[in-house]
Amino acid sequence: MGSYIKKNWSSVTILFLFLGLIGVCSYSINAQESDWMVKLRTLKVFESNRADVERIFDSPKIVKELNRAETERDGWGRKVTYNTKSGELVAIYSTGNCLESKNPWGYNVVSDVVVELRFKAKKAVKANRFNFDLKEFYVEYVEDIPDSYLYYNNELGVWLYIFRGKLTGIEYKGSSEDNKRLDCEEVLK
């Protein structure tokens, strides 16, 4: 047996190198963030606009669009629900600058600027695949859904929905600093 290995040492070495390469490649593939998360991270609350959202998500199908002022008491903004390849995207857009409208609801940004993004993935992904340090988040157990947790960081404006260790949804709401700076009630004082 020993002489067989000596004779075929180069074949054995190549086999181990090949197996090692497969292991490294599969680890890096599994460690990558989902395509939808990369797209979400490209968008910035209070900076990106509707055209940016629709371009980055490859012209997603609009499922529903409504003016929240018409559907909610003290509602403000335009809520657009999109169907994407990877899940459901809800974007809430500004309906205009509150300094001009004198409306105390909403944020002081021009029309069609993103004020909130929500994404619900079709397929949940392991939470550790995302570049979030969960130690920086508050965590709440969701009592009516076993094994579900809400991680949130208001300073960052990020909420993560995790079920059985997998990320099922995410919300970007803008940082607490930006929310305070742009809030119409504060601006109109």
N, C-alpha and C. Protein backbone atom coordinates (compact mmCIF):
# COMPACT_ATOMS: atom_id res chain seq x y z
N MET A 1 0.83 -1.20 0.00
CA MET A 1 0.00 0.00 0.00
C MET A 1 0.87 1.25 0.00
N GLY A 2 1.93 1.24 0.85
CA GLY A 2 2.83 2.39 0.93
C GLY A 2 3.48 2.68 -0.40
N SER A 3 3.87 1.65 -1.13
CA SER A 3 4.51 1.86 -2.43
C SER A 3 3.52 2.41 -3.45
N TYR A 4 2.23 2.05 -3.33
CA TYR A 4 1.19 2.57 -4.22
C TYR A 4 1.07 4.08 -4.06
N ILE A 5 1.05 4.53 -2.78
CA ILE A 5 0.93 5.97 -2.51
C ILE A 5 2.16 6.70 -3.03
N LYS A 6 3.35 6.11 -2.83
CA LYS A 6 4.57 6.76 -3.32
C LYS A 6 4.53 6.90 -4.84
N LYS A 7 4.08 5.87 -5.54
CA LYS A 7 4.02 5.91 -7.00
C LYS A 7 3.00 6.92 -7.50
N ASN A 8 1.90 7.06 -6.77
CA ASN A 8 0.81 7.94 -7.21
C ASN A 8 0.73 9.21 -6.36
N TRP A 9 1.83 9.61 -5.77
CA TRP A 9 1.84 10.77 -4.87
C TRP A 9 1.30 12.03 -5.55
N SER A 10 1.69 12.25 -6.78
CA SER A 10 1.22 13.45 -7.47
C SER A 10 -0.29 13.41 -7.68
N SER A 11 -0.85 12.25 -7.94
CA SER A 11 -2.30 12.13 -8.10
C SER A 11 -3.02 12.40 -6.79
N VAL A 12 -2.46 11.89 -5.69
CA VAL A 12 -3.05 12.10 -4.37
C VAL A 12 -2.98 13.59 -4.01
N THR A 13 -1.85 14.21 -4.28
CA THR A 13 -1.67 15.63 -3.99
C THR A 13 -2.68 16.47 -4.78
N ILE A 14 -2.83 16.15 -6.04
CA ILE A 14 -3.79 16.89 -6.89
C ILE A 14 -5.20 16.71 -6.37
N LEU A 15 -5.54 15.49 -5.95
CA LEU A 15 -6.87 15.22 -5.40
C LEU A 15 -7.13 16.08 -4.16
N PHE A 16 -6.17 16.14 -3.23
CA PHE A 16 -6.35 16.94 -2.01
C PHE A 16 -6.42 18.43 -2.33
N LEU A 17 -5.61 18.89 -3.26
CA LEU A 17 -5.69 20.31 -3.66
C LEU A 17 -7.05 20.62 -4.28
N PHE A 18 -7.56 19.72 -5.10
CA PHE A 18 -8.85 19.91 -5.73
C PHE A 18 -9.97 19.96 -4.69
N LEU A 19 -9.94 19.01 -3.74
CA LEU A 19 -10.96 18.99 -2.68
C LEU A 19 -10.88 20.26 -1.83
N GLY A 20 -9.67 20.71 -1.54
CA GLY A 20 -9.50 21.95 -0.77
C GLY A 20 -10.06 23.15 -1.51
N LEU A 21 -9.81 23.21 -2.82
CA LEU A 21 -10.32 24.30 -3.64
C LEU A 21 -11.84 24.31 -3.67
N ILE A 22 -12.45 23.15 -3.78
CA ILE A 22 -13.92 23.05 -3.75
C ILE A 22 -14.44 23.57 -2.41
N GLY A 23 -13.79 23.20 -1.32
CA GLY A 23 -14.21 23.66 0.01
C GLY A 23 -14.14 25.16 0.14
N VAL A 24 -13.05 25.77 -0.33
CA VAL A 24 -12.89 27.22 -0.25
C VAL A 24 -13.94 27.92 -1.11
N CYS A 25 -14.17 27.43 -2.31
CA CYS A 25 -15.17 28.04 -3.20
C CYS A 25 -16.57 27.93 -2.63
N SER A 26 -16.92 26.78 -2.10
CA SER A 26 -18.28 26.62 -1.56
C SER A 26 -18.47 27.49 -0.33
N TYR A 27 -17.42 27.69 0.48
CA TYR A 27 -17.53 28.56 1.64
C TYR A 27 -17.77 30.00 1.20
N SER A 28 -17.01 30.47 0.20
CA SER A 28 -17.17 31.86 -0.22
C SER A 28 -18.52 32.08 -0.89
N ILE A 29 -19.05 31.08 -1.60
CA ILE A 29 -20.37 31.20 -2.20
C ILE A 29 -21.44 31.29 -1.11
N ASN A 30 -21.34 30.44 -0.10
CA ASN A 30 -22.32 30.44 0.98
C ASN A 30 -22.22 31.69 1.85
N ALA A 31 -21.03 32.30 1.92
CA ALA A 31 -20.84 33.47 2.77
C ALA A 31 -21.34 34.75 2.11
N GLN A 32 -21.61 34.73 0.80
CA GLN A 32 -22.05 35.92 0.09
C GLN A 32 -23.45 36.31 0.52
N GLU A 33 -23.67 37.63 0.53
CA GLU A 33 -25.01 38.12 0.82
C GLU A 33 -25.93 37.86 -0.37
N SER A 34 -27.20 37.74 -0.09
CA SER A 34 -28.19 37.54 -1.14
C SER A 34 -28.20 38.75 -2.07
N ASP A 35 -28.58 38.49 -3.30
CA ASP A 35 -28.67 39.54 -4.31
C ASP A 35 -29.59 40.67 -3.84
N TRP A 36 -30.73 40.31 -3.23
CA TRP A 36 -31.68 41.33 -2.79
C TRP A 36 -31.09 42.19 -1.68
N MET A 37 -30.23 41.61 -0.81
CA MET A 37 -29.63 42.40 0.25
C MET A 37 -28.61 43.39 -0.32
N VAL A 38 -27.85 42.94 -1.29
CA VAL A 38 -26.89 43.84 -1.95
C VAL A 38 -27.64 45.02 -2.56
N LYS A 39 -28.77 44.74 -3.20
CA LYS A 39 -29.57 45.80 -3.81
C LYS A 39 -30.14 46.74 -2.75
N LEU A 40 -30.65 46.18 -1.65
CA LEU A 40 -31.19 47.02 -0.57
C LEU A 40 -30.12 47.94 0.02
N ARG A 41 -28.93 47.41 0.21
CA ARG A 41 -27.84 48.21 0.80
C ARG A 41 -27.41 49.35 -0.11
N THR A 42 -27.69 49.21 -1.41
CA THR A 42 -27.36 50.27 -2.37
C THR A 42 -28.27 51.49 -2.17
N LEU A 43 -29.49 51.23 -1.72
CA LEU A 43 -30.47 52.31 -1.54
C LEU A 43 -30.28 52.98 -0.18
N LYS A 44 -30.53 54.27 -0.12
CA LYS A 44 -30.38 55.04 1.11
C LYS A 44 -31.68 55.77 1.42
N VAL A 45 -32.21 55.51 2.63
CA VAL A 45 -33.41 56.21 3.09
C VAL A 45 -33.09 57.69 3.18
N PHE A 46 -34.01 58.53 2.74
CA PHE A 46 -33.92 60.00 2.69
C PHE A 46 -32.96 60.51 1.61
N GLU A 47 -32.40 59.62 0.78
CA GLU A 47 -31.53 60.05 -0.32
C GLU A 47 -31.99 59.46 -1.66
N SER A 48 -32.19 58.14 -1.70
CA SER A 48 -32.57 57.49 -2.95
C SER A 48 -34.02 57.85 -3.30
N ASN A 49 -34.33 57.74 -4.58
CA ASN A 49 -35.71 58.06 -5.00
C ASN A 49 -36.34 56.86 -5.70
N ARG A 50 -37.57 57.05 -6.12
CA ARG A 50 -38.34 55.96 -6.74
C ARG A 50 -37.65 55.41 -7.98
N ALA A 51 -37.09 56.28 -8.79
CA ALA A 51 -36.38 55.82 -10.00
C ALA A 51 -35.20 54.93 -9.62
N ASP A 52 -34.49 55.27 -8.54
CA ASP A 52 -33.37 54.44 -8.07
C ASP A 52 -33.86 53.06 -7.67
N VAL A 53 -34.95 53.00 -6.89
CA VAL A 53 -35.50 51.72 -6.43
C VAL A 53 -35.87 50.85 -7.63
N GLU A 54 -36.59 51.41 -8.57
CA GLU A 54 -37.07 50.64 -9.70
C GLU A 54 -35.94 50.23 -10.64
N ARG A 55 -34.89 51.04 -10.74
CA ARG A 55 -33.73 50.68 -11.56
C ARG A 55 -32.92 49.57 -10.89
N ILE A 56 -32.65 49.71 -9.60
CA ILE A 56 -31.82 48.74 -8.87
C ILE A 56 -32.51 47.38 -8.78
N PHE A 57 -33.83 47.38 -8.65
CA PHE A 57 -34.58 46.12 -8.58
C PHE A 57 -35.11 45.69 -9.95
N ASP A 58 -34.50 46.18 -11.02
CA ASP A 58 -34.79 45.72 -12.39
C ASP A 58 -36.25 45.86 -12.79
N SER A 59 -36.81 47.04 -12.62
CA SER A 59 -38.19 47.34 -12.99
C SER A 59 -39.17 46.31 -12.44
N PRO A 60 -39.26 46.23 -11.10
CA PRO A 60 -40.16 45.22 -10.50
C PRO A 60 -41.62 45.52 -10.80
N LYS A 61 -42.43 44.47 -10.73
CA LYS A 61 -43.87 44.62 -10.98
C LYS A 61 -44.52 45.33 -9.79
N ILE A 62 -45.28 46.37 -10.08
CA ILE A 62 -46.02 47.08 -9.04
C ILE A 62 -47.30 46.30 -8.76
N VAL A 63 -47.46 45.87 -7.51
CA VAL A 63 -48.62 45.10 -7.11
C VAL A 63 -49.71 46.02 -6.58
N LYS A 64 -49.29 47.05 -5.86
CA LYS A 64 -50.25 47.96 -5.23
C LYS A 64 -49.58 49.30 -5.01
N GLU A 65 -50.36 50.36 -5.18
CA GLU A 65 -49.86 51.71 -4.92
C GLU A 65 -50.98 52.51 -4.28
N LEU A 66 -50.68 53.17 -3.17
CA LEU A 66 -51.71 53.98 -2.54
C LEU A 66 -51.12 55.19 -1.85
N ASN A 67 -51.96 56.22 -1.78
CA ASN A 67 -51.61 57.44 -1.07
C ASN A 67 -52.08 57.25 0.37
N ARG A 68 -51.15 57.19 1.30
CA ARG A 68 -51.49 56.91 2.69
C ARG A 68 -52.33 58.01 3.32
N ALA A 69 -52.32 59.22 2.78
CA ALA A 69 -53.17 60.29 3.31
C ALA A 69 -54.64 59.98 3.08
N GLU A 70 -54.93 59.20 2.07
CA GLU A 70 -56.31 58.83 1.76
C GLU A 70 -56.77 57.58 2.50
N THR A 71 -55.83 56.78 3.00
CA THR A 71 -56.21 55.49 3.59
C THR A 71 -55.97 55.38 5.09
N GLU A 72 -55.19 56.30 5.66
CA GLU A 72 -54.86 56.21 7.08
C GLU A 72 -55.09 57.56 7.76
N ARG A 73 -55.57 57.50 8.97
CA ARG A 73 -55.71 58.72 9.76
C ARG A 73 -54.30 59.26 9.99
N ASP A 74 -54.09 60.50 9.75
CA ASP A 74 -52.77 61.13 9.86
C ASP A 74 -51.75 60.46 8.95
N GLY A 75 -52.22 59.83 7.88
CA GLY A 75 -51.31 59.16 6.96
C GLY A 75 -50.56 60.16 6.09
N TRP A 76 -49.43 59.73 5.63
CA TRP A 76 -48.59 60.58 4.79
C TRP A 76 -47.71 59.68 3.95
N GLY A 77 -47.46 60.05 2.72
CA GLY A 77 -46.55 59.31 1.86
C GLY A 77 -47.28 58.42 0.88
N ARG A 78 -46.52 57.96 -0.09
CA ARG A 78 -47.04 57.06 -1.12
C ARG A 78 -46.42 55.69 -0.87
N LYS A 79 -47.26 54.69 -0.66
CA LYS A 79 -46.80 53.33 -0.38
C LYS A 79 -46.92 52.50 -1.66
N VAL A 80 -45.79 51.95 -2.10
CA VAL A 80 -45.78 51.14 -3.32
C VAL A 80 -45.27 49.74 -2.97
N THR A 81 -46.05 48.74 -3.31
CA THR A 81 -45.67 47.35 -3.09
C THR A 81 -45.24 46.75 -4.42
N TYR A 82 -44.05 46.18 -4.42
CA TYR A 82 -43.47 45.59 -5.63
C TYR A 82 -43.31 44.09 -5.44
N ASN A 83 -43.42 43.36 -6.54
CA ASN A 83 -43.09 41.94 -6.56
C ASN A 83 -41.76 41.82 -7.29
N THR A 84 -40.73 41.31 -6.60
CA THR A 84 -39.42 41.12 -7.21
C THR A 84 -39.14 39.63 -7.34
N LYS A 85 -38.05 39.28 -8.00
CA LYS A 85 -37.68 37.87 -8.16
C LYS A 85 -37.45 37.20 -6.81
N SER A 86 -36.98 37.98 -5.83
CA SER A 86 -36.57 37.40 -4.54
C SER A 86 -37.57 37.60 -3.42
N GLY A 87 -38.60 38.41 -3.64
CA GLY A 87 -39.57 38.64 -2.57
C GLY A 87 -40.38 39.89 -2.80
N GLU A 88 -41.05 40.30 -1.73
CA GLU A 88 -41.91 41.49 -1.79
C GLU A 88 -41.17 42.69 -1.22
N LEU A 89 -41.16 43.76 -1.98
CA LEU A 89 -40.52 45.02 -1.57
C LEU A 89 -41.61 46.06 -1.40
N VAL A 90 -41.62 46.72 -0.25
CA VAL A 90 -42.53 47.82 -0.01
C VAL A 90 -41.68 49.07 0.19
N ALA A 91 -41.96 50.08 -0.60
CA ALA A 91 -41.26 51.35 -0.47
C ALA A 91 -42.27 52.43 -0.14
N ILE A 92 -41.93 53.26 0.82
CA ILE A 92 -42.76 54.42 1.13
C ILE A 92 -41.98 55.65 0.67
N TYR A 93 -42.64 56.43 -0.17
CA TYR A 93 -42.01 57.60 -0.78
C TYR A 93 -42.65 58.88 -0.24
N SER A 94 -41.85 59.92 -0.20
CA SER A 94 -42.34 61.23 0.20
C SER A 94 -43.35 61.75 -0.82
N THR A 95 -44.32 62.50 -0.32
CA THR A 95 -45.26 63.16 -1.24
C THR A 95 -44.97 64.65 -1.33
N GLY A 96 -43.84 65.06 -0.77
CA GLY A 96 -43.44 66.46 -0.92
C GLY A 96 -42.87 67.05 0.35
N ASN A 97 -42.23 68.15 0.17
CA ASN A 97 -41.54 68.89 1.21
C ASN A 97 -42.55 69.55 2.14
N CYS A 98 -42.44 69.31 3.45
CA CYS A 98 -43.44 69.84 4.38
C CYS A 98 -43.28 71.34 4.63
N LEU A 99 -42.13 71.91 4.32
CA LEU A 99 -41.99 73.37 4.45
C LEU A 99 -42.91 74.08 3.46
N GLU A 100 -43.11 73.47 2.29
CA GLU A 100 -44.00 74.06 1.29
C GLU A 100 -45.47 73.75 1.60
N SER A 101 -45.77 72.53 2.02
CA SER A 101 -47.16 72.12 2.23
C SER A 101 -47.69 72.52 3.61
N LYS A 102 -46.77 72.80 4.54
CA LYS A 102 -47.13 73.11 5.95
C LYS A 102 -47.82 71.94 6.63
N ASN A 103 -47.66 70.74 6.08
CA ASN A 103 -48.23 69.53 6.66
C ASN A 103 -47.31 69.04 7.78
N PRO A 104 -47.83 68.82 9.00
CA PRO A 104 -46.97 68.37 10.10
C PRO A 104 -46.61 66.89 10.04
N TRP A 105 -47.16 66.15 9.08
CA TRP A 105 -46.89 64.72 8.98
C TRP A 105 -45.84 64.46 7.94
N GLY A 106 -45.00 63.49 8.18
CA GLY A 106 -44.02 63.07 7.19
C GLY A 106 -42.65 63.67 7.44
N TYR A 107 -41.89 63.79 6.34
CA TYR A 107 -40.50 64.23 6.41
C TYR A 107 -40.26 65.34 5.41
N ASN A 108 -39.33 66.18 5.72
CA ASN A 108 -39.01 67.34 4.90
C ASN A 108 -38.03 66.96 3.79
N VAL A 109 -38.52 66.17 2.84
CA VAL A 109 -37.75 65.78 1.67
C VAL A 109 -38.65 65.92 0.44
N VAL A 110 -38.03 66.07 -0.70
CA VAL A 110 -38.80 66.29 -1.93
C VAL A 110 -39.60 65.04 -2.29
N SER A 111 -40.54 65.21 -3.17
CA SER A 111 -41.43 64.13 -3.60
C SER A 111 -40.64 62.97 -4.21
N ASP A 112 -41.12 61.77 -3.95
CA ASP A 112 -40.58 60.51 -4.48
C ASP A 112 -39.26 60.07 -3.86
N VAL A 113 -38.83 60.70 -2.78
CA VAL A 113 -37.64 60.23 -2.06
C VAL A 113 -38.07 59.11 -1.11
N VAL A 114 -37.24 58.09 -1.00
CA VAL A 114 -37.52 56.94 -0.13
C VAL A 114 -37.48 57.38 1.33
N VAL A 115 -38.55 57.08 2.09
CA VAL A 115 -38.55 57.35 3.53
C VAL A 115 -38.58 56.06 4.35
N GLU A 116 -38.88 54.93 3.68
CA GLU A 116 -38.86 53.63 4.36
C GLU A 116 -38.85 52.53 3.31
N LEU A 117 -38.10 51.46 3.61
CA LEU A 117 -38.05 50.28 2.74
C LEU A 117 -38.30 49.04 3.58
N ARG A 118 -39.09 48.13 3.06
CA ARG A 118 -39.34 46.84 3.72
C ARG A 118 -39.17 45.75 2.68
N PHE A 119 -38.52 44.67 3.09
CA PHE A 119 -38.35 43.56 2.16
C PHE A 119 -38.68 42.26 2.88
N LYS A 120 -39.54 41.45 2.26
CA LYS A 120 -39.88 40.13 2.79
C LYS A 120 -39.41 39.11 1.77
N ALA A 121 -38.41 38.33 2.15
CA ALA A 121 -37.79 37.37 1.23
C ALA A 121 -38.71 36.19 0.95
N LYS A 122 -38.73 35.73 -0.30
CA LYS A 122 -39.48 34.52 -0.65
C LYS A 122 -38.89 33.32 0.06
N LYS A 123 -37.55 33.32 0.15
CA LYS A 123 -36.85 32.22 0.79
C LYS A 123 -35.97 32.80 1.89
N ALA A 124 -36.21 32.36 3.12
CA ALA A 124 -35.42 32.83 4.26
C ALA A 124 -33.96 32.40 4.09
N VAL A 125 -33.06 33.23 4.59
CA VAL A 125 -31.63 32.99 4.46
C VAL A 125 -31.00 33.04 5.84
N LYS A 126 -30.00 32.20 6.09
CA LYS A 126 -29.33 32.19 7.39
C LYS A 126 -28.90 33.61 7.76
N ALA A 127 -29.25 34.00 8.97
CA ALA A 127 -28.99 35.36 9.42
C ALA A 127 -27.50 35.68 9.47
N ASN A 128 -26.65 34.69 9.69
CA ASN A 128 -25.22 34.97 9.77
C ASN A 128 -24.59 35.25 8.41
N ARG A 129 -25.34 35.15 7.33
CA ARG A 129 -24.83 35.49 5.99
C ARG A 129 -24.82 36.98 5.74
N PHE A 130 -25.41 37.74 6.65
CA PHE A 130 -25.51 39.17 6.46
C PHE A 130 -24.52 39.89 7.36
N ASN A 131 -24.08 41.00 6.91
CA ASN A 131 -23.02 41.73 7.61
C ASN A 131 -23.61 42.63 8.69
N PHE A 132 -24.32 42.04 9.64
CA PHE A 132 -24.87 42.78 10.77
C PHE A 132 -24.28 42.22 12.05
N ASP A 133 -23.84 43.09 12.93
CA ASP A 133 -23.39 42.66 14.25
C ASP A 133 -24.61 42.71 15.16
N LEU A 134 -25.22 41.56 15.40
CA LEU A 134 -26.47 41.52 16.16
C LEU A 134 -26.30 41.97 17.60
N LYS A 135 -25.06 42.07 18.08
CA LYS A 135 -24.82 42.59 19.44
C LYS A 135 -25.18 44.08 19.52
N GLU A 136 -25.23 44.75 18.37
CA GLU A 136 -25.58 46.17 18.33
C GLU A 136 -27.09 46.40 18.25
N PHE A 137 -27.86 45.33 18.28
CA PHE A 137 -29.31 45.42 18.12
C PHE A 137 -30.01 45.03 19.42
N TYR A 138 -31.16 45.65 19.64
CA TYR A 138 -32.06 45.18 20.71
C TYR A 138 -32.80 43.99 20.13
N VAL A 139 -33.22 43.08 20.99
CA VAL A 139 -33.93 41.91 20.50
C VAL A 139 -35.21 41.72 21.29
N GLU A 140 -36.27 41.37 20.58
CA GLU A 140 -37.56 41.06 21.20
C GLU A 140 -38.06 39.74 20.65
N TYR A 141 -38.55 38.90 21.55
CA TYR A 141 -39.17 37.64 21.15
C TYR A 141 -40.58 37.96 20.66
N VAL A 142 -40.95 37.41 19.51
CA VAL A 142 -42.28 37.62 18.96
C VAL A 142 -43.18 36.52 19.55
N GLU A 143 -44.01 36.90 20.51
CA GLU A 143 -44.76 35.92 21.30
C GLU A 143 -45.75 35.08 20.49
N ASP A 144 -46.39 35.68 19.49
CA ASP A 144 -47.41 34.93 18.77
C ASP A 144 -46.85 34.08 17.63
N ILE A 145 -45.53 34.14 17.39
CA ILE A 145 -44.90 33.30 16.37
C ILE A 145 -43.69 32.62 17.02
N PRO A 146 -43.83 31.36 17.42
CA PRO A 146 -42.71 30.67 18.08
C PRO A 146 -41.43 30.71 17.25
N ASP A 147 -40.29 30.83 17.93
CA ASP A 147 -38.96 30.85 17.31
C ASP A 147 -38.72 32.09 16.45
N SER A 148 -39.50 33.16 16.69
CA SER A 148 -39.34 34.39 15.92
C SER A 148 -38.82 35.51 16.81
N TYR A 149 -37.92 36.30 16.22
CA TYR A 149 -37.31 37.41 16.95
C TYR A 149 -37.25 38.64 16.05
N LEU A 150 -37.40 39.78 16.69
CA LEU A 150 -37.23 41.06 16.02
C LEU A 150 -35.96 41.69 16.58
N TYR A 151 -35.01 41.94 15.72
CA TYR A 151 -33.80 42.66 16.10
C TYR A 151 -33.93 44.06 15.53
N TYR A 152 -33.70 45.08 16.36
CA TYR A 152 -33.82 46.44 15.84
C TYR A 152 -32.75 47.34 16.43
N ASN A 153 -32.35 48.30 15.62
CA ASN A 153 -31.40 49.31 16.02
C ASN A 153 -31.92 50.64 15.48
N ASN A 154 -32.56 51.43 16.36
CA ASN A 154 -33.16 52.69 15.91
C ASN A 154 -32.12 53.71 15.49
N GLU A 155 -30.95 53.65 16.09
CA GLU A 155 -29.90 54.59 15.68
C GLU A 155 -29.52 54.38 14.23
N LEU A 156 -29.45 53.11 13.81
CA LEU A 156 -29.15 52.80 12.41
C LEU A 156 -30.39 52.83 11.54
N GLY A 157 -31.56 52.67 12.15
CA GLY A 157 -32.81 52.61 11.38
C GLY A 157 -33.01 51.28 10.68
N VAL A 158 -32.56 50.18 11.33
CA VAL A 158 -32.65 48.85 10.72
C VAL A 158 -33.42 47.92 11.66
N TRP A 159 -34.37 47.18 11.08
CA TRP A 159 -35.14 46.15 11.81
C TRP A 159 -34.98 44.85 11.04
N LEU A 160 -34.65 43.78 11.76
CA LEU A 160 -34.46 42.46 11.15
C LEU A 160 -35.47 41.49 11.73
N TYR A 161 -36.12 40.73 10.87
CA TYR A 161 -37.08 39.71 11.30
C TYR A 161 -36.44 38.35 11.10
N ILE A 162 -36.24 37.63 12.21
CA ILE A 162 -35.54 36.36 12.16
C ILE A 162 -36.43 35.24 12.71
N PHE A 163 -36.57 34.20 11.92
CA PHE A 163 -37.37 33.03 12.30
C PHE A 163 -36.48 31.80 12.21
N ARG A 164 -36.31 31.12 13.36
CA ARG A 164 -35.47 29.92 13.45
C ARG A 164 -34.07 30.15 12.86
N GLY A 165 -33.48 31.29 13.20
CA GLY A 165 -32.12 31.58 12.78
C GLY A 165 -31.98 32.08 11.36
N LYS A 166 -33.12 32.26 10.68
CA LYS A 166 -33.06 32.73 9.28
C LYS A 166 -33.74 34.08 9.15
N LEU A 167 -33.12 34.94 8.36
CA LEU A 167 -33.67 36.27 8.09
C LEU A 167 -34.82 36.13 7.11
N THR A 168 -36.01 36.57 7.53
CA THR A 168 -37.18 36.51 6.66
C THR A 168 -37.58 37.88 6.12
N GLY A 169 -37.15 38.93 6.81
CA GLY A 169 -37.51 40.27 6.37
C GLY A 169 -36.61 41.31 7.00
N ILE A 170 -36.62 42.49 6.40
CA ILE A 170 -35.80 43.59 6.88
C ILE A 170 -36.51 44.91 6.58
N GLU A 171 -36.32 45.88 7.45
CA GLU A 171 -36.85 47.23 7.23
C GLU A 171 -35.74 48.23 7.44
N TYR A 172 -35.69 49.20 6.54
CA TYR A 172 -34.80 50.35 6.68
C TYR A 172 -35.71 51.56 6.89
N LYS A 173 -35.53 52.24 8.03
CA LYS A 173 -36.39 53.37 8.38
C LYS A 173 -35.64 54.69 8.51
N GLY A 174 -34.38 54.70 8.22
CA GLY A 174 -33.59 55.91 8.40
C GLY A 174 -33.08 56.00 9.84
N SER A 175 -31.93 56.59 10.02
CA SER A 175 -31.33 56.69 11.35
C SER A 175 -32.17 57.58 12.24
N SER A 176 -32.05 57.40 13.55
CA SER A 176 -32.80 58.24 14.49
C SER A 176 -32.40 59.70 14.32
N GLU A 177 -31.15 59.96 14.00
CA GLU A 177 -30.68 61.32 13.78
C GLU A 177 -31.37 61.95 12.56
N ASP A 178 -31.42 61.21 11.45
CA ASP A 178 -32.09 61.71 10.25
C ASP A 178 -33.59 61.87 10.47
N ASN A 179 -34.20 60.91 11.17
CA ASN A 179 -35.63 61.02 11.44
C ASN A 179 -35.94 62.29 12.22
N LYS A 180 -35.15 62.59 13.22
CA LYS A 180 -35.38 63.79 14.03
C LYS A 180 -35.13 65.06 13.21
N ARG A 181 -34.06 65.06 12.44
CA ARG A 181 -33.68 66.24 11.65
C ARG A 181 -34.71 66.56 10.56
N LEU A 182 -35.33 65.52 9.99
CA LEU A 182 -36.23 65.71 8.85
C LEU A 182 -37.72 65.62 9.20
N ASP A 183 -38.04 65.26 10.43
CA ASP A 183 -39.44 65.13 10.85
C ASP A 183 -40.16 66.45 10.70
N CYS A 184 -41.31 66.45 10.03
CA CYS A 184 -42.03 67.69 9.74
C CYS A 184 -42.47 68.43 11.01
N GLU A 185 -42.86 67.71 12.04
CA GLU A 185 -43.26 68.40 13.28
C GLU A 185 -42.10 69.20 13.83
N GLU A 186 -40.89 68.66 13.77
CA GLU A 186 -39.70 69.37 14.25
C GLU A 186 -39.34 70.53 13.34
N VAL A 187 -39.41 70.29 12.04
CA VAL A 187 -39.03 71.31 11.06
C VAL A 187 -39.96 72.51 11.12
N LEU A 188 -41.26 72.28 11.37
CA LEU A 188 -42.23 73.36 11.33
C LEU A 188 -42.33 74.12 12.66
N LYS A 189 -41.60 73.73 13.69
CA LYS A 189 -41.65 74.43 14.98
C LYS A 189 -41.11 75.84 14.87
